[in-house]
N, C-alpha and C. Protein backbone atom coordinates (compact mmCIF):
# COMPACT_ATOMS: atom_id res chain seq x y z
N UNK A 1 154.64 9.09 123.94
CA UNK A 1 153.20 9.29 124.00
C UNK A 1 152.83 9.72 125.42
N UNK A 2 152.01 10.74 125.52
CA UNK A 2 151.55 11.17 126.83
C UNK A 2 150.03 10.96 126.91
N UNK A 3 149.58 10.68 128.13
CA UNK A 3 148.15 10.46 128.35
C UNK A 3 147.56 11.69 129.01
N UNK A 4 146.33 11.99 128.68
CA UNK A 4 145.61 13.11 129.27
C UNK A 4 144.35 12.55 129.90
N UNK A 5 144.09 12.89 131.16
CA UNK A 5 142.90 12.40 131.85
C UNK A 5 141.99 13.55 132.24
N UNK A 6 140.70 13.33 132.13
CA UNK A 6 139.70 14.30 132.53
C UNK A 6 138.64 13.59 133.36
N UNK A 7 138.20 14.20 134.43
CA UNK A 7 137.10 13.65 135.22
C UNK A 7 135.82 14.35 134.80
N UNK A 8 134.74 13.60 134.80
CA UNK A 8 133.47 14.18 134.43
C UNK A 8 132.39 13.13 134.51
N UNK A 9 131.29 13.38 133.84
CA UNK A 9 130.20 12.41 133.81
C UNK A 9 129.55 12.44 132.44
N UNK A 10 128.83 11.36 132.15
CA UNK A 10 128.10 11.27 130.89
C UNK A 10 126.66 11.66 131.11
N UNK A 11 126.15 12.52 130.24
CA UNK A 11 124.75 12.93 130.31
C UNK A 11 124.22 12.96 128.88
N UNK A 12 123.22 12.14 128.63
CA UNK A 12 122.63 12.04 127.29
C UNK A 12 123.69 11.76 126.23
N UNK A 13 124.64 10.90 126.57
CA UNK A 13 125.67 10.51 125.61
C UNK A 13 126.78 11.52 125.41
N UNK A 14 126.80 12.60 126.20
CA UNK A 14 127.84 13.62 126.07
C UNK A 14 128.68 13.65 127.33
N UNK A 15 129.94 13.93 127.17
CA UNK A 15 130.86 14.03 128.31
C UNK A 15 130.81 15.44 128.88
N UNK A 16 130.53 15.55 130.18
CA UNK A 16 130.50 16.84 130.87
C UNK A 16 131.66 16.85 131.86
N UNK A 17 132.69 17.67 131.62
CA UNK A 17 133.84 17.67 132.53
C UNK A 17 133.50 18.31 133.87
N UNK A 18 134.12 17.78 134.96
CA UNK A 18 133.93 18.36 136.29
C UNK A 18 134.72 19.65 136.43
N UNK A 19 135.86 19.73 135.79
CA UNK A 19 136.68 20.94 135.85
C UNK A 19 136.36 21.82 134.66
N UNK A 20 136.42 23.11 134.88
CA UNK A 20 136.10 24.06 133.82
C UNK A 20 137.37 24.40 133.04
N UNK A 21 137.84 23.45 132.24
CA UNK A 21 139.01 23.74 131.42
C UNK A 21 138.78 23.16 130.03
N UNK A 22 139.45 23.72 129.09
CA UNK A 22 139.29 23.28 127.71
C UNK A 22 139.85 21.88 127.52
N UNK A 23 139.10 21.06 126.85
CA UNK A 23 139.56 19.71 126.53
C UNK A 23 140.25 19.78 125.18
N UNK A 24 141.50 19.34 125.18
CA UNK A 24 142.26 19.36 123.94
C UNK A 24 141.71 18.28 123.01
N UNK A 25 141.38 18.65 121.81
CA UNK A 25 140.89 17.69 120.83
C UNK A 25 142.01 17.44 119.82
N UNK A 26 142.44 16.22 119.77
CA UNK A 26 143.50 15.84 118.85
C UNK A 26 142.89 15.04 117.70
N UNK A 27 143.29 15.34 116.49
CA UNK A 27 142.78 14.59 115.34
C UNK A 27 143.30 13.16 115.42
N UNK A 28 142.42 12.23 115.13
CA UNK A 28 142.75 10.81 115.11
C UNK A 28 143.27 10.30 116.46
N UNK A 29 142.81 10.86 117.55
CA UNK A 29 143.23 10.41 118.87
C UNK A 29 142.39 9.21 119.30
N UNK A 30 143.04 8.26 119.96
CA UNK A 30 142.31 7.13 120.53
C UNK A 30 141.76 7.56 121.88
N UNK A 31 140.56 7.09 122.19
CA UNK A 31 139.90 7.46 123.44
C UNK A 31 139.49 6.19 124.16
N UNK A 32 139.75 6.15 125.47
CA UNK A 32 139.31 5.04 126.31
C UNK A 32 138.34 5.62 127.33
N UNK A 33 137.16 5.04 127.43
CA UNK A 33 136.16 5.51 128.39
C UNK A 33 136.02 4.44 129.46
N UNK A 34 136.19 4.85 130.72
CA UNK A 34 135.99 3.96 131.85
C UNK A 34 134.81 4.49 132.64
N UNK A 35 133.79 3.67 132.80
CA UNK A 35 132.60 4.10 133.52
C UNK A 35 132.67 3.53 134.94
N UNK A 36 132.65 4.43 135.92
CA UNK A 36 132.71 4.04 137.32
C UNK A 36 131.30 4.06 137.90
N UNK A 37 130.99 3.12 138.79
CA UNK A 37 129.66 3.16 139.41
C UNK A 37 129.53 4.39 140.29
N UNK A 38 128.31 4.89 140.38
CA UNK A 38 128.05 6.07 141.20
C UNK A 38 128.33 5.74 142.66
N UNK A 39 129.09 6.60 143.32
CA UNK A 39 129.41 6.38 144.73
C UNK A 39 128.30 6.94 145.59
N UNK A 40 127.80 6.13 146.47
CA UNK A 40 126.78 6.59 147.41
C UNK A 40 127.38 6.52 148.81
N UNK A 41 127.20 7.58 149.59
CA UNK A 41 127.77 7.57 150.93
C UNK A 41 127.13 6.46 151.78
N UNK A 42 127.97 5.87 152.62
CA UNK A 42 127.46 4.84 153.51
C UNK A 42 126.55 5.48 154.56
N UNK A 43 125.45 4.82 154.83
CA UNK A 43 124.54 5.32 155.85
C UNK A 43 124.80 4.54 157.14
N UNK A 44 124.97 5.27 158.20
CA UNK A 44 125.18 4.65 159.50
C UNK A 44 123.94 4.88 160.35
N UNK A 45 123.61 3.88 161.10
CA UNK A 45 122.47 4.05 161.98
C UNK A 45 122.90 4.86 163.20
N UNK A 46 121.96 5.53 163.80
CA UNK A 46 122.24 6.36 164.98
C UNK A 46 122.83 5.52 166.11
N UNK A 47 122.39 4.28 166.22
CA UNK A 47 122.85 3.43 167.31
C UNK A 47 124.34 3.11 167.19
N UNK A 48 124.91 3.21 165.99
CA UNK A 48 126.35 2.96 165.83
C UNK A 48 127.17 4.06 166.49
N UNK A 49 126.62 5.27 166.59
CA UNK A 49 127.36 6.39 167.14
C UNK A 49 127.17 6.56 168.64
N UNK A 50 126.05 6.08 169.16
CA UNK A 50 125.78 6.23 170.58
C UNK A 50 126.82 5.44 171.37
N UNK A 51 127.55 6.14 172.21
CA UNK A 51 128.56 5.49 173.03
C UNK A 51 129.87 5.20 172.32
N UNK A 52 130.02 5.65 171.08
CA UNK A 52 131.23 5.33 170.33
C UNK A 52 132.48 6.03 170.88
N UNK A 53 132.30 7.11 171.68
CA UNK A 53 133.44 7.82 172.26
C UNK A 53 133.74 7.36 173.69
N UNK A 54 132.98 6.38 174.18
CA UNK A 54 133.18 5.90 175.54
C UNK A 54 134.62 5.43 175.72
N UNK A 55 135.23 5.85 176.82
CA UNK A 55 136.62 5.50 177.18
C UNK A 55 137.66 6.12 176.24
N UNK A 56 137.25 7.03 175.36
CA UNK A 56 138.19 7.70 174.47
C UNK A 56 138.41 9.15 174.88
N UNK A 57 137.43 9.75 175.55
CA UNK A 57 137.57 11.12 176.02
C UNK A 57 137.19 11.17 177.49
N UNK A 58 137.64 12.22 178.17
CA UNK A 58 137.28 12.39 179.57
C UNK A 58 137.23 13.88 179.87
N UNK A 59 136.53 14.22 180.92
CA UNK A 59 136.43 15.61 181.37
C UNK A 59 137.01 15.67 182.77
N UNK A 60 137.93 16.60 182.97
CA UNK A 60 138.58 16.74 184.27
C UNK A 60 137.55 17.06 185.35
N UNK A 61 137.84 16.62 186.57
CA UNK A 61 136.93 16.87 187.69
C UNK A 61 136.75 18.36 187.95
N UNK A 62 137.78 19.15 187.69
CA UNK A 62 137.70 20.59 187.94
C UNK A 62 137.37 21.40 186.67
N UNK A 63 136.70 20.79 185.73
CA UNK A 63 136.40 21.42 184.45
C UNK A 63 135.69 22.76 184.61
N UNK A 64 134.73 22.85 185.52
CA UNK A 64 133.94 24.07 185.69
C UNK A 64 134.56 25.07 186.66
N UNK A 65 135.69 24.73 187.25
CA UNK A 65 136.35 25.63 188.19
C UNK A 65 137.01 26.78 187.41
N UNK A 66 137.06 27.99 188.01
CA UNK A 66 137.72 29.11 187.33
C UNK A 66 139.22 28.84 187.13
N UNK A 67 139.75 29.32 186.04
CA UNK A 67 141.17 29.16 185.75
C UNK A 67 141.97 30.15 186.58
N UNK A 68 143.16 29.74 187.01
CA UNK A 68 144.03 30.62 187.80
C UNK A 68 144.30 31.92 187.04
N UNK A 69 144.56 31.83 185.76
CA UNK A 69 144.89 33.00 184.96
C UNK A 69 143.73 33.99 184.86
N UNK A 70 142.51 33.53 185.08
CA UNK A 70 141.34 34.38 184.90
C UNK A 70 140.75 34.88 186.22
N UNK A 71 141.34 34.48 187.34
CA UNK A 71 140.76 34.83 188.63
C UNK A 71 140.59 36.34 188.81
N UNK A 72 141.57 37.15 188.38
CA UNK A 72 141.47 38.61 188.55
C UNK A 72 140.28 39.19 187.78
N UNK A 73 139.89 38.57 186.71
CA UNK A 73 138.74 39.07 185.92
C UNK A 73 137.41 38.57 186.47
N UNK A 74 137.44 37.50 187.23
CA UNK A 74 136.21 36.88 187.76
C UNK A 74 135.75 37.53 189.08
N UNK A 75 136.61 38.29 189.72
CA UNK A 75 136.26 38.85 191.03
C UNK A 75 135.51 40.14 190.89
């Protein structure tokens, strides 16, 4: 026995597949429906991000200095 899975959603009692492919209909097939709760993205407050990169990145002291390789083009 092989199992076939399809992702989709229920709308007005009908299954709407997420993928655009034909659903094989087998006579006398058993069907199991698992309903998952709707996933909502977590909301983060702005204050959680402020300073979150502190001590993780740095900028070199000579960041704005011309590169050696580019000096001939800068003159």
